[in-house]
Amino acid sequence: MEKEINGEAFDIRPLTRGEVKALRKRGFNLGNLNLENADEAMDEVLELICKKSIEAVDALPNDKALDLFKAIIDLTYGRGDAEKNSQTSGSGMKAAAQPDAQDA
């Protein structure tokens, strides 16, 4: 998927389950980041997903790089635009809630 940030297109994708587990083993719980390691987690994710264009990512204003990071997290955990396409049960409620990111 392409995500346009600051007029430049970046190829992004969701993190795999294995990548999420590896990040958690290194101390990055993406569902519950703390202020002490949030920047490091963002760097790890951006380097993992955007490794071919990391120089362009690093040249972005920090708030735009954060938008790119958020887009990857949204793809990974099914938030944002992905929720618009979620199925509903017969009652009109969502069929199933997304699992708590802390359980990931």
PDB file of N, CA and C in Angstrom:
ATOM      1  N   MET A   1       0.844  -1.171   0.000  1.00  0.00           N
ATOM      2  CA  MET A   1       0.000   0.000   0.000  1.00  0.00           C
ATOM      3  C   MET A   1       0.893   1.238   0.000  1.00  0.00           C
ATOM      4  N   GLU A   2       0.440   2.249  -0.705  1.00  0.00           N
ATOM      5  CA  GLU A   2       1.177   3.508  -0.700  1.00  0.00           C
ATOM      6  C   GLU A   2       0.519   4.493   0.250  1.00  0.00           C
ATOM      7  N   LYS A   3       1.343   5.220   0.965  1.00  0.00           N
ATOM      8  CA  LYS A   3       0.873   6.289   1.845  1.00  0.00           C
ATOM      9  C   LYS A   3       1.610   7.547   1.436  1.00  0.00           C
ATOM     10  N   GLU A   4       0.847   8.583   1.084  1.00  0.00           N
ATOM     11  CA  GLU A   4       1.480   9.835   0.695  1.00  0.00           C
ATOM     12  C   GLU A   4       1.659  10.709   1.923  1.00  0.00           C
ATOM     13  N   ILE A   5       2.889  11.137   2.130  1.00  0.00           N
ATOM     14  CA  ILE A   5       3.253  12.009   3.238  1.00  0.00           C
ATOM     15  C   ILE A   5       4.111  13.130   2.667  1.00  0.00           C
ATOM     16  N   ASN A   6       3.701  14.355   2.910  1.00  0.00           N
ATOM     17  CA  ASN A   6       4.494  15.513   2.472  1.00  0.00           C
ATOM     18  C   ASN A   6       4.774  15.482   0.966  1.00  0.00           C
ATOM     19  N   GLY A   7       3.803  14.990   0.189  1.00  0.00           N
ATOM     20  CA  GLY A   7       3.956  14.941  -1.258  1.00  0.00           C
ATOM     21  C   GLY A   7       4.787  13.794  -1.781  1.00  0.00           C
ATOM     22  N   GLU A   8       5.214  12.894  -0.914  1.00  0.00           N
ATOM     23  CA  GLU A   8       6.036  11.761  -1.330  1.00  0.00           C
ATOM     24  C   GLU A   8       5.308  10.461  -0.977  1.00  0.00           C
ATOM     25  N   ALA A   9       5.336   9.497  -1.888  1.00  0.00           N
ATOM     26  CA  ALA A   9       4.671   8.217  -1.669  1.00  0.00           C
ATOM     27  C   ALA A   9       5.630   7.226  -1.013  1.00  0.00           C
ATOM     28  N   PHE A  10       5.147   6.589   0.046  1.00  0.00           N
ATOM     29  CA  PHE A  10       5.921   5.577   0.762  1.00  0.00           C
ATOM     30  C   PHE A  10       5.160   4.257   0.702  1.00  0.00           C
ATOM     31  N   ASP A  11       5.871   3.178   0.392  1.00  0.00           N
ATOM     32  CA  ASP A  11       5.260   1.852   0.413  1.00  0.00           C
ATOM     33  C   ASP A  11       5.240   1.367   1.850  1.00  0.00           C
ATOM     34  N   ILE A  12       4.039   1.092   2.357  1.00  0.00           N
ATOM     35  CA  ILE A  12       3.920   0.578   3.718  1.00  0.00           C
ATOM     36  C   ILE A  12       3.071  -0.675   3.708  1.00  0.00           C
ATOM     37  N   ARG A  13       3.140  -1.412   4.785  1.00  0.00           N
ATOM     38  CA  ARG A  13       2.373  -2.634   4.967  1.00  0.00           C
ATOM     39  C   ARG A  13       2.191  -2.840   6.456  1.00  0.00           C
ATOM     40  N   PRO A  14       1.266  -3.716   6.837  1.00  0.00           N
ATOM     41  CA  PRO A  14       1.146  -4.015   8.260  1.00  0.00           C
ATOM     42  C   PRO A  14       2.337  -4.851   8.726  1.00  0.00           C
ATOM     43  N   LEU A  15       2.642  -4.754   9.985  1.00  0.00           N
ATOM     44  CA  LEU A  15       3.652  -5.630  10.580  1.00  0.00           C
ATOM     45  C   LEU A  15       3.099  -7.047  10.624  1.00  0.00           C
ATOM     46  N   THR A  16       3.964  -8.021  10.448  1.00  0.00           N
ATOM     47  CA  THR A  16       3.545  -9.405  10.594  1.00  0.00           C
ATOM     48  C   THR A  16       3.466  -9.752  12.079  1.00  0.00           C
ATOM     49  N   ARG A  17       2.801 -10.831  12.381  1.00  0.00           N
ATOM     50  CA  ARG A  17       2.714 -11.295  13.771  1.00  0.00           C
ATOM     51  C   ARG A  17       4.119 -11.541  14.328  1.00  0.00           C
ATOM     52  N   GLY A  18       4.985 -12.128  13.532  1.00  0.00           N
ATOM     53  CA  GLY A  18       6.353 -12.383  13.970  1.00  0.00           C
ATOM     54  C   GLY A  18       7.117 -11.099  14.257  1.00  0.00           C
ATOM     55  N   GLU A  19       6.903 -10.083  13.450  1.00  0.00           N
ATOM     56  CA  GLU A  19       7.570  -8.797  13.676  1.00  0.00           C
ATOM     57  C   GLU A  19       7.075  -8.143  14.964  1.00  0.00           C
ATOM     58  N   VAL A  20       5.760  -8.232  15.220  1.00  0.00           N
ATOM     59  CA  VAL A  20       5.208  -7.672  16.458  1.00  0.00           C
ATOM     60  C   VAL A  20       5.808  -8.399  17.664  1.00  0.00           C
ATOM     61  N   LYS A  21       5.900  -9.713  17.575  1.00  0.00           N
ATOM     62  CA  LYS A  21       6.469 -10.494  18.684  1.00  0.00           C
ATOM     63  C   LYS A  21       7.939 -10.145  18.906  1.00  0.00           C
ATOM     64  N   ALA A  22       8.687  -9.997  17.813  1.00  0.00           N
ATOM     65  CA  ALA A  22      10.108  -9.653  17.930  1.00  0.00           C
ATOM     66  C   ALA A  22      10.283  -8.269  18.554  1.00  0.00           C
ATOM     67  N   LEU A  23       9.444  -7.330  18.164  1.00  0.00           N
ATOM     68  CA  LEU A  23       9.519  -5.988  18.757  1.00  0.00           C
ATOM     69  C   LEU A  23       9.185  -6.036  20.245  1.00  0.00           C
ATOM     70  N   ARG A  24       8.183  -6.821  20.607  1.00  0.00           N
ATOM     71  CA  ARG A  24       7.811  -6.935  22.015  1.00  0.00           C
ATOM     72  C   ARG A  24       8.955  -7.547  22.830  1.00  0.00           C
ATOM     73  N   LYS A  25       9.639  -8.538  22.278  1.00  0.00           N
ATOM     74  CA  LYS A  25      10.779  -9.149  22.970  1.00  0.00           C
ATOM     75  C   LYS A  25      11.902  -8.145  23.191  1.00  0.00           C
ATOM     76  N   ARG A  26      11.975  -7.128  22.320  1.00  0.00           N
ATOM     77  CA  ARG A  26      12.993  -6.084  22.473  1.00  0.00           C
ATOM     78  C   ARG A  26      12.495  -4.933  23.339  1.00  0.00           C
ATOM     79  N   GLY A  27      11.292  -5.098  23.921  1.00  0.00           N
ATOM     80  CA  GLY A  27      10.786  -4.107  24.867  1.00  0.00           C
ATOM     81  C   GLY A  27       9.814  -3.099  24.300  1.00  0.00           C
ATOM     82  N   PHE A  28       9.327  -3.321  23.083  1.00  0.00           N
ATOM     83  CA  PHE A  28       8.398  -2.388  22.452  1.00  0.00           C
ATOM     84  C   PHE A  28       7.012  -2.996  22.344  1.00  0.00           C
ATOM     85  N   ASN A  29       6.136  -2.664  23.273  1.00  0.00           N
ATOM     86  CA  ASN A  29       4.740  -3.093  23.218  1.00  0.00           C
ATOM     87  C   ASN A  29       3.982  -2.010  22.451  1.00  0.00           C
ATOM     88  N   LEU A  30       3.747  -2.249  21.180  1.00  0.00           N
ATOM     89  CA  LEU A  30       3.159  -1.227  20.309  1.00  0.00           C
ATOM     90  C   LEU A  30       1.760  -0.823  20.725  1.00  0.00           C
ATOM     91  N   GLY A  31       1.078  -1.669  21.454  1.00  0.00           N
ATOM     92  CA  GLY A  31      -0.256  -1.347  21.926  1.00  0.00           C
ATOM     93  C   GLY A  31      -0.267  -0.502  23.174  1.00  0.00           C
ATOM     94  N   ASN A  32       0.885  -0.350  23.794  1.00  0.00           N
ATOM     95  CA  ASN A  32       0.965   0.388  25.055  1.00  0.00           C
ATOM     96  C   ASN A  32       2.362   0.994  25.196  1.00  0.00           C
ATOM     97  N   LEU A  33       2.701   1.885  24.288  1.00  0.00           N
ATOM     98  CA  LEU A  33       4.026   2.509  24.346  1.00  0.00           C
ATOM     99  C   LEU A  33       4.095   3.509  25.489  1.00  0.00           C
ATOM    100  N   ASN A  34       5.258   3.569  26.098  1.00  0.00           N
ATOM    101  CA  ASN A  34       5.454   4.598  27.122  1.00  0.00           C
ATOM    102  C   ASN A  34       6.345   5.689  26.547  1.00  0.00           C
ATOM    103  N   LEU A  35       6.355   6.822  27.200  1.00  0.00           N
ATOM    104  CA  LEU A  35       7.100   7.969  26.679  1.00  0.00           C
ATOM    105  C   LEU A  35       8.595   7.700  26.570  1.00  0.00           C
ATOM    106  N   GLU A  36       9.106   6.829  27.425  1.00  0.00           N
ATOM    107  CA  GLU A  36      10.547   6.568  27.423  1.00  0.00           C
ATOM    108  C   GLU A  36      11.017   5.845  26.169  1.00  0.00           C
ATOM    109  N   ASN A  37      10.159   5.015  25.571  1.00  0.00           N
ATOM    110  CA  ASN A  37      10.634   4.260  24.407  1.00  0.00           C
ATOM    111  C   ASN A  37       9.787   4.462  23.146  1.00  0.00           C
ATOM    112  N   ALA A  38       8.878   5.420  23.141  1.00  0.00           N
ATOM    113  CA  ALA A  38       8.015   5.634  21.976  1.00  0.00           C
ATOM    114  C   ALA A  38       8.811   6.028  20.733  1.00  0.00           C
ATOM    115  N   ASP A  39       9.769   6.929  20.875  1.00  0.00           N
ATOM    116  CA  ASP A  39      10.574   7.340  19.714  1.00  0.00           C
ATOM    117  C   ASP A  39      11.401   6.180  19.181  1.00  0.00           C
ATOM    118  N   GLU A  40      11.953   5.383  20.076  1.00  0.00           N
ATOM    119  CA  GLU A  40      12.737   4.225  19.646  1.00  0.00           C
ATOM    120  C   GLU A  40      11.853   3.213  18.926  1.00  0.00           C
ATOM    121  N   ALA A  41      10.641   2.998  19.428  1.00  0.00           N
ATOM    122  CA  ALA A  41       9.713   2.075  18.780  1.00  0.00           C
ATOM    123  C   ALA A  41       9.356   2.571  17.385  1.00  0.00           C
ATOM    124  N   MET A  42       9.104   3.866  17.262  1.00  0.00           N
ATOM    125  CA  MET A  42       8.790   4.445  15.965  1.00  0.00           C
ATOM    126  C   MET A  42       9.957   4.236  15.001  1.00  0.00           C
ATOM    127  N   ASP A  43      11.167   4.481  15.464  1.00  0.00           N
ATOM    128  CA  ASP A  43      12.351   4.271  14.621  1.00  0.00           C
ATOM    129  C   ASP A  43      12.454   2.819  14.156  1.00  0.00           C
ATOM    130  N   GLU A  44      12.253   1.890  15.090  1.00  0.00           N
ATOM    131  CA  GLU A  44      12.343   0.462  14.755  1.00  0.00           C
ATOM    132  C   GLU A  44      11.319   0.079  13.696  1.00  0.00           C
ATOM    133  N   VAL A  45      10.090   0.517  13.868  1.00  0.00           N
ATOM    134  CA  VAL A  45       9.026   0.176  12.925  1.00  0.00           C
ATOM    135  C   VAL A  45       9.284   0.807  11.562  1.00  0.00           C
ATOM    136  N   LEU A  46       9.641   2.073  11.544  1.00  0.00           N
ATOM    137  CA  LEU A  46       9.896   2.744  10.270  1.00  0.00           C
ATOM    138  C   LEU A  46      11.079   2.121   9.539  1.00  0.00           C
ATOM    139  N   GLU A  47      12.122   1.764  10.260  1.00  0.00           N
ATOM    140  CA  GLU A  47      13.276   1.131   9.621  1.00  0.00           C
ATOM    141  C   GLU A  47      12.910  -0.249   9.087  1.00  0.00           C
ATOM    142  N   LEU A  48      12.054  -0.956   9.800  1.00  0.00           N
ATOM    143  CA  LEU A  48      11.633  -2.290   9.386  1.00  0.00           C
ATOM    144  C   LEU A  48      10.766  -2.235   8.126  1.00  0.00           C
ATOM    145  N   ILE A  49       9.805  -1.335   8.106  1.00  0.00           N
ATOM    146  CA  ILE A  49       8.847  -1.275   7.004  1.00  0.00           C
ATOM    147  C   ILE A  49       9.357  -0.440   5.833  1.00  0.00           C
ATOM    148  N   CYS A  50      10.068   0.626   6.108  1.00  0.00           N
ATOM    149  CA  CYS A  50      10.505   1.564   5.056  1.00  0.00           C
ATOM    150  C   CYS A  50      12.003   1.517   4.826  1.00  0.00           C
ATOM    151  N   LYS A  51      12.619   0.356   4.995  1.00  0.00           N
ATOM    152  CA  LYS A  51      14.088   0.288   4.928  1.00  0.00           C
ATOM    153  C   LYS A  51      14.651   0.773   3.598  1.00  0.00           C
ATOM    154  N   LYS A  52      13.918   0.581   2.484  1.00  0.00           N
ATOM    155  CA  LYS A  52      14.422   1.025   1.182  1.00  0.00           C
ATOM    156  C   LYS A  52      14.382   2.544   1.032  1.00  0.00           C
ATOM    157  N   SER A  53      13.521   3.187   1.803  1.00  0.00           N
ATOM    158  CA  SER A  53      13.380   4.644   1.693  1.00  0.00           C
ATOM    159  C   SER A  53      13.610   5.338   3.040  1.00  0.00           C
ATOM    160  N   ILE A  54      14.435   4.724   3.892  1.00  0.00           N
ATOM    161  CA  ILE A  54      14.618   5.265   5.247  1.00  0.00           C
ATOM    162  C   ILE A  54      15.255   6.654   5.224  1.00  0.00           C
ATOM    163  N   GLU A  55      16.087   6.942   4.249  1.00  0.00           N
ATOM    164  CA  GLU A  55      16.684   8.285   4.173  1.00  0.00           C
ATOM    165  C   GLU A  55      15.605   9.333   3.928  1.00  0.00           C
ATOM    166  N   ALA A  56      14.636   9.004   3.075  1.00  0.00           N
ATOM    167  CA  ALA A  56      13.528   9.933   2.823  1.00  0.00           C
ATOM    168  C   ALA A  56      12.645  10.067   4.061  1.00  0.00           C
ATOM    169  N   VAL A  57      12.461   8.977   4.773  1.00  0.00           N
ATOM    170  CA  VAL A  57      11.677   9.022   6.022  1.00  0.00           C
ATOM    171  C   VAL A  57      12.388   9.909   7.034  1.00  0.00           C
ATOM    172  N   ASP A  58      13.688   9.726   7.179  1.00  0.00           N
ATOM    173  CA  ASP A  58      14.454  10.520   8.141  1.00  0.00           C
ATOM    174  C   ASP A  58      14.481  12.005   7.779  1.00  0.00           C
ATOM    175  N   ALA A  59      14.271  12.333   6.513  1.00  0.00           N
ATOM    176  CA  ALA A  59      14.259  13.733   6.079  1.00  0.00           C
ATOM    177  C   ALA A  59      12.908  14.410   6.314  1.00  0.00           C
ATOM    178  N   LEU A  60      11.881  13.612   6.658  1.00  0.00           N
ATOM    179  CA  LEU A  60      10.552  14.181   6.910  1.00  0.00           C
ATOM    180  C   LEU A  60      10.549  14.985   8.209  1.00  0.00           C
ATOM    181  N   PRO A  61       9.680  15.992   8.289  1.00  0.00           N
ATOM    182  CA  PRO A  61       9.455  16.623   9.597  1.00  0.00           C
ATOM    183  C   PRO A  61       8.948  15.542  10.561  1.00  0.00           C
ATOM    184  N   ASN A  62       9.300  15.645  11.818  1.00  0.00           N
ATOM    185  CA  ASN A  62       8.968  14.587  12.762  1.00  0.00           C
ATOM    186  C   ASN A  62       7.470  14.297  12.813  1.00  0.00           C
ATOM    187  N   ASP A  63       6.628  15.330  12.737  1.00  0.00           N
ATOM    188  CA  ASP A  63       5.182  15.076  12.801  1.00  0.00           C
ATOM    189  C   ASP A  63       4.697  14.273  11.599  1.00  0.00           C
ATOM    190  N   LYS A  64       5.341  14.441  10.446  1.00  0.00           N
ATOM    191  CA  LYS A  64       4.970  13.674   9.248  1.00  0.00           C
ATOM    192  C   LYS A  64       5.463  12.234   9.354  1.00  0.00           C
ATOM    193  N   ALA A  65       6.639  12.035   9.946  1.00  0.00           N
ATOM    194  CA  ALA A  65       7.130  10.683  10.191  1.00  0.00           C
ATOM    195  C   ALA A  65       6.205   9.965  11.166  1.00  0.00           C
ATOM    196  N   LEU A  66       5.687  10.706  12.140  1.00  0.00           N
ATOM    197  CA  LEU A  66       4.730  10.133  13.089  1.00  0.00           C
ATOM    198  C   LEU A  66       3.451   9.714  12.369  1.00  0.00           C
ATOM    199  N   ASP A  67       2.999  10.499  11.395  1.00  0.00           N
ATOM    200  CA  ASP A  67       1.823  10.118  10.599  1.00  0.00           C
ATOM    201  C   ASP A  67       2.071   8.806   9.855  1.00  0.00           C
ATOM    202  N   LEU A  68       3.270   8.627   9.334  1.00  0.00           N
ATOM    203  CA  LEU A  68       3.624   7.398   8.632  1.00  0.00           C
ATOM    204  C   LEU A  68       3.623   6.214   9.592  1.00  0.00           C
ATOM    205  N   PHE A  69       4.208   6.407  10.769  1.00  0.00           N
ATOM    206  CA  PHE A  69       4.213   5.371  11.808  1.00  0.00           C
ATOM    207  C   PHE A  69       2.787   4.986  12.191  1.00  0.00           C
ATOM    208  N   LYS A  70       1.930   5.981  12.397  1.00  0.00           N
ATOM    209  CA  LYS A  70       0.533   5.719  12.764  1.00  0.00           C
ATOM    210  C   LYS A  70      -0.191   4.929  11.676  1.00  0.00           C
ATOM    211  N   ALA A  71       0.091   5.235  10.419  1.00  0.00           N
ATOM    212  CA  ALA A  71      -0.537   4.507   9.316  1.00  0.00           C
ATOM    213  C   ALA A  71      -0.144   3.031   9.342  1.00  0.00           C
ATOM    214  N   ILE A  72       1.106   2.746   9.663  1.00  0.00           N
ATOM    215  CA  ILE A  72       1.576   1.363   9.760  1.00  0.00           C
ATOM    216  C   ILE A  72       0.891   0.664  10.929  1.00  0.00           C
ATOM    217  N   ILE A  73       0.793   1.342  12.064  1.00  0.00           N
ATOM    218  CA  ILE A  73       0.137   0.759  13.240  1.00  0.00           C
ATOM    219  C   ILE A  73      -1.341   0.513  12.939  1.00  0.00           C
ATOM    220  N   ASP A  74      -2.000   1.451  12.254  1.00  0.00           N
ATOM    221  CA  ASP A  74      -3.399   1.273  11.889  1.00  0.00           C
ATOM    222  C   ASP A  74      -3.590   0.048  10.991  1.00  0.00           C
ATOM    223  N   LEU A  75      -2.696  -0.155  10.044  1.00  0.00           N
ATOM    224  CA  LEU A  75      -2.771  -1.344   9.195  1.00  0.00           C
ATOM    225  C   LEU A  75      -2.543  -2.613  10.005  1.00  0.00           C
ATOM    226  N   THR A  76      -1.613  -2.547  10.933  1.00  0.00           N
ATOM    227  CA  THR A  76      -1.259  -3.715  11.732  1.00  0.00           C
ATOM    228  C   THR A  76      -2.395  -4.153  12.649  1.00  0.00           C
ATOM    229  N   TYR A  77      -3.062  -3.193  13.274  1.00  0.00           N
ATOM    230  CA  TYR A  77      -4.092  -3.516  14.258  1.00  0.00           C
ATOM    231  C   TYR A  77      -5.518  -3.279  13.757  1.00  0.00           C
ATOM    232  N   GLY A  78      -5.680  -2.928  12.483  1.00  0.00           N
ATOM    233  CA  GLY A  78      -7.008  -2.787  11.920  1.00  0.00           C
ATOM    234  C   GLY A  78      -7.779  -1.581  12.406  1.00  0.00           C
ATOM    235  N   ARG A  79      -7.107  -0.494  12.633  1.00  0.00           N
ATOM    236  CA  ARG A  79      -7.761   0.735  13.074  1.00  0.00           C
ATOM    237  C   ARG A  79      -7.974   1.662  11.900  1.00  0.00           C
ATOM    238  N   GLY A  80      -8.585   2.804  12.149  1.00  0.00           N
ATOM    239  CA  GLY A  80      -8.734   3.844  11.129  1.00  0.00           C
ATOM    240  C   GLY A  80      -9.615   3.407   9.987  1.00  0.00           C
ATOM    241  N   ASP A  81      -9.142   3.568   8.745  1.00  0.00           N
ATOM    242  CA  ASP A  81      -9.935   3.250   7.558  1.00  0.00           C
ATOM    243  C   ASP A  81     -10.355   1.790   7.526  1.00  0.00           C
ATOM    244  N   ALA A  82      -9.547   0.905   8.095  1.00  0.00           N
ATOM    245  CA  ALA A  82      -9.878  -0.514   8.078  1.00  0.00           C
ATOM    246  C   ALA A  82     -11.183  -0.785   8.821  1.00  0.00           C
ATOM    247  N   GLU A  83     -11.496   0.008   9.858  1.00  0.00           N
ATOM    248  CA  GLU A  83     -12.716  -0.211  10.615  1.00  0.00           C
ATOM    249  C   GLU A  83     -13.962   0.124   9.814  1.00  0.00           C
ATOM    250  N   LYS A  84     -13.854   1.004   8.833  1.00  0.00           N
ATOM    251  CA  LYS A  84     -15.001   1.362   8.011  1.00  0.00           C
ATOM    252  C   LYS A  84     -15.524   0.144   7.264  1.00  0.00           C
ATOM    253  N   ASN A  85     -14.635  -0.792   6.979  1.00  0.00           N
ATOM    254  CA  ASN A  85     -15.000  -1.969   6.202  1.00  0.00           C
ATOM    255  C   ASN A  85     -15.256  -3.192   7.061  1.00  0.00           C
ATOM    256  N   SER A  86     -15.308  -3.018   8.388  1.00  0.00           N
ATOM    257  CA  SER A  86     -15.511  -4.176   9.257  1.00  0.00           C
ATOM    258  C   SER A  86     -16.934  -4.679   9.125  1.00  0.00           C
ATOM    259  N   GLN A  87     -17.099  -5.985   9.307  1.00  0.00           N
ATOM    260  CA  GLN A  87     -18.417  -6.584   9.199  1.00  0.00           C
ATOM    261  C   GLN A  87     -19.204  -6.340  10.469  1.00  0.00           C
ATOM    262  N   THR A  88     -20.524  -6.380  10.335  1.00  0.00           N
ATOM    263  CA  THR A  88     -21.369  -6.209  11.506  1.00  0.00           C
ATOM    264  C   THR A  88     -22.186  -7.463  11.720  1.00  0.00           C
ATOM    265  N   SER A  89     -22.655  -7.641  12.948  1.00  0.00           N
ATOM    266  CA  SER A  89     -23.554  -8.754  13.240  1.00  0.00           C
ATOM    267  C   SER A  89     -24.956  -8.337  12.829  1.00  0.00           C
ATOM    268  N   GLY A  90     -25.920  -9.212  12.981  1.00  0.00           N
ATOM    269  CA  GLY A  90     -27.295  -8.915  12.612  1.00  0.00           C
ATOM    270  C   GLY A  90     -27.875  -7.742  13.383  1.00  0.00           C
ATOM    271  N   SER A  91     -27.334  -7.441  14.558  1.00  0.00           N
ATOM    272  CA  SER A  91     -27.854  -6.351  15.368  1.00  0.00           C
ATOM    273  C   SER A  91     -27.307  -5.001  14.949  1.00  0.00           C
ATOM    274  N   GLY A  92     -26.397  -4.996  13.969  1.00  0.00           N
ATOM    275  CA  GLY A  92     -25.782  -3.738  13.559  1.00  0.00           C
ATOM    276  C   GLY A  92     -24.523  -3.433  14.357  1.00  0.00           C
ATOM    277  N   MET A  93     -24.190  -4.259  15.310  1.00  0.00           N
ATOM    278  CA  MET A  93     -22.974  -4.089  16.102  1.00  0.00           C
ATOM    279  C   MET A  93     -21.827  -4.751  15.359  1.00  0.00           C
ATOM    280  N   LYS A  94     -20.608  -4.351  15.667  1.00  0.00           N
ATOM    281  CA  LYS A  94     -19.454  -5.007  15.058  1.00  0.00           C
ATOM    282  C   LYS A  94     -19.483  -6.482  15.435  1.00  0.00           C
ATOM    283  N   ALA A  95     -19.109  -7.322  14.484  1.00  0.00           N
ATOM    284  CA  ALA A  95     -19.153  -8.762  14.701  1.00  0.00           C
ATOM    285  C   ALA A  95     -18.237  -9.172  15.840  1.00  0.00           C
ATOM    286  N   ALA A  96     -17.077  -8.574  15.916  1.00  0.00           N
ATOM    287  CA  ALA A  96     -16.136  -8.885  16.997  1.00  0.00           C
ATOM    288  C   ALA A  96     -15.250  -7.684  17.206  1.00  0.00           C
ATOM    289  N   ALA A  97     -14.987  -7.382  18.430  1.00  0.00           N
ATOM    290  CA  ALA A  97     -14.088  -6.273  18.742  1.00  0.00           C
ATOM    291  C   ALA A  97     -12.667  -6.684  18.401  1.00  0.00           C
ATOM    292  N   GLN A  98     -11.865  -5.714  18.045  1.00  0.00           N
ATOM    293  CA  GLN A  98     -10.459  -5.982  17.802  1.00  0.00           C
ATOM    294  C   GLN A  98      -9.823  -6.409  19.119  1.00  0.00           C
ATOM    295  N   PRO A  99      -8.903  -7.376  19.086  1.00  0.00           N
ATOM    296  CA  PRO A  99      -8.244  -7.764  20.331  1.00  0.00           C
ATOM    297  C   PRO A  99      -7.460  -6.594  20.910  1.00  0.00           C
ATOM    298  N   ASP A 100      -7.391  -6.543  22.197  1.00  0.00           N
ATOM    299  CA  ASP A 100      -6.640  -5.493  22.857  1.00  0.00           C
ATOM    300  C   ASP A 100      -5.190  -5.598  22.419  1.00  0.00           C
ATOM    301  N   ALA A 101      -4.634  -4.486  21.997  1.00  0.00           N
ATOM    302  CA  ALA A 101      -3.260  -4.467  21.479  1.00  0.00           C
ATOM    303  C   ALA A 101      -2.278  -4.976  22.523  1.00  0.00           C
ATOM    304  N   GLN A 102      -2.605  -4.863  23.798  1.00  0.00           N
ATOM    305  CA  GLN A 102      -1.692  -5.345  24.825  1.00  0.00           C
ATOM    306  C   GLN A 102      -1.598  -6.860  24.810  1.00  0.00           C
ATOM    307  N   ASP A 103      -2.626  -7.533  24.278  1.00  0.00           N
ATOM    308  CA  ASP A 103      -2.612  -8.979  24.198  1.00  0.00           C
ATOM    309  C   ASP A 103      -1.803  -9.477  23.021  1.00  0.00           C
ATOM    310  N   ALA A 104      -1.461  -8.570  22.099  1.00  0.00           N
ATOM    311  CA  ALA A 104      -0.753  -8.954  20.877  1.00  0.00           C
ATOM    312  C   ALA A 104       0.660  -9.358  21.191  1.00  0.00           C
TER     313      ALA A 104
END
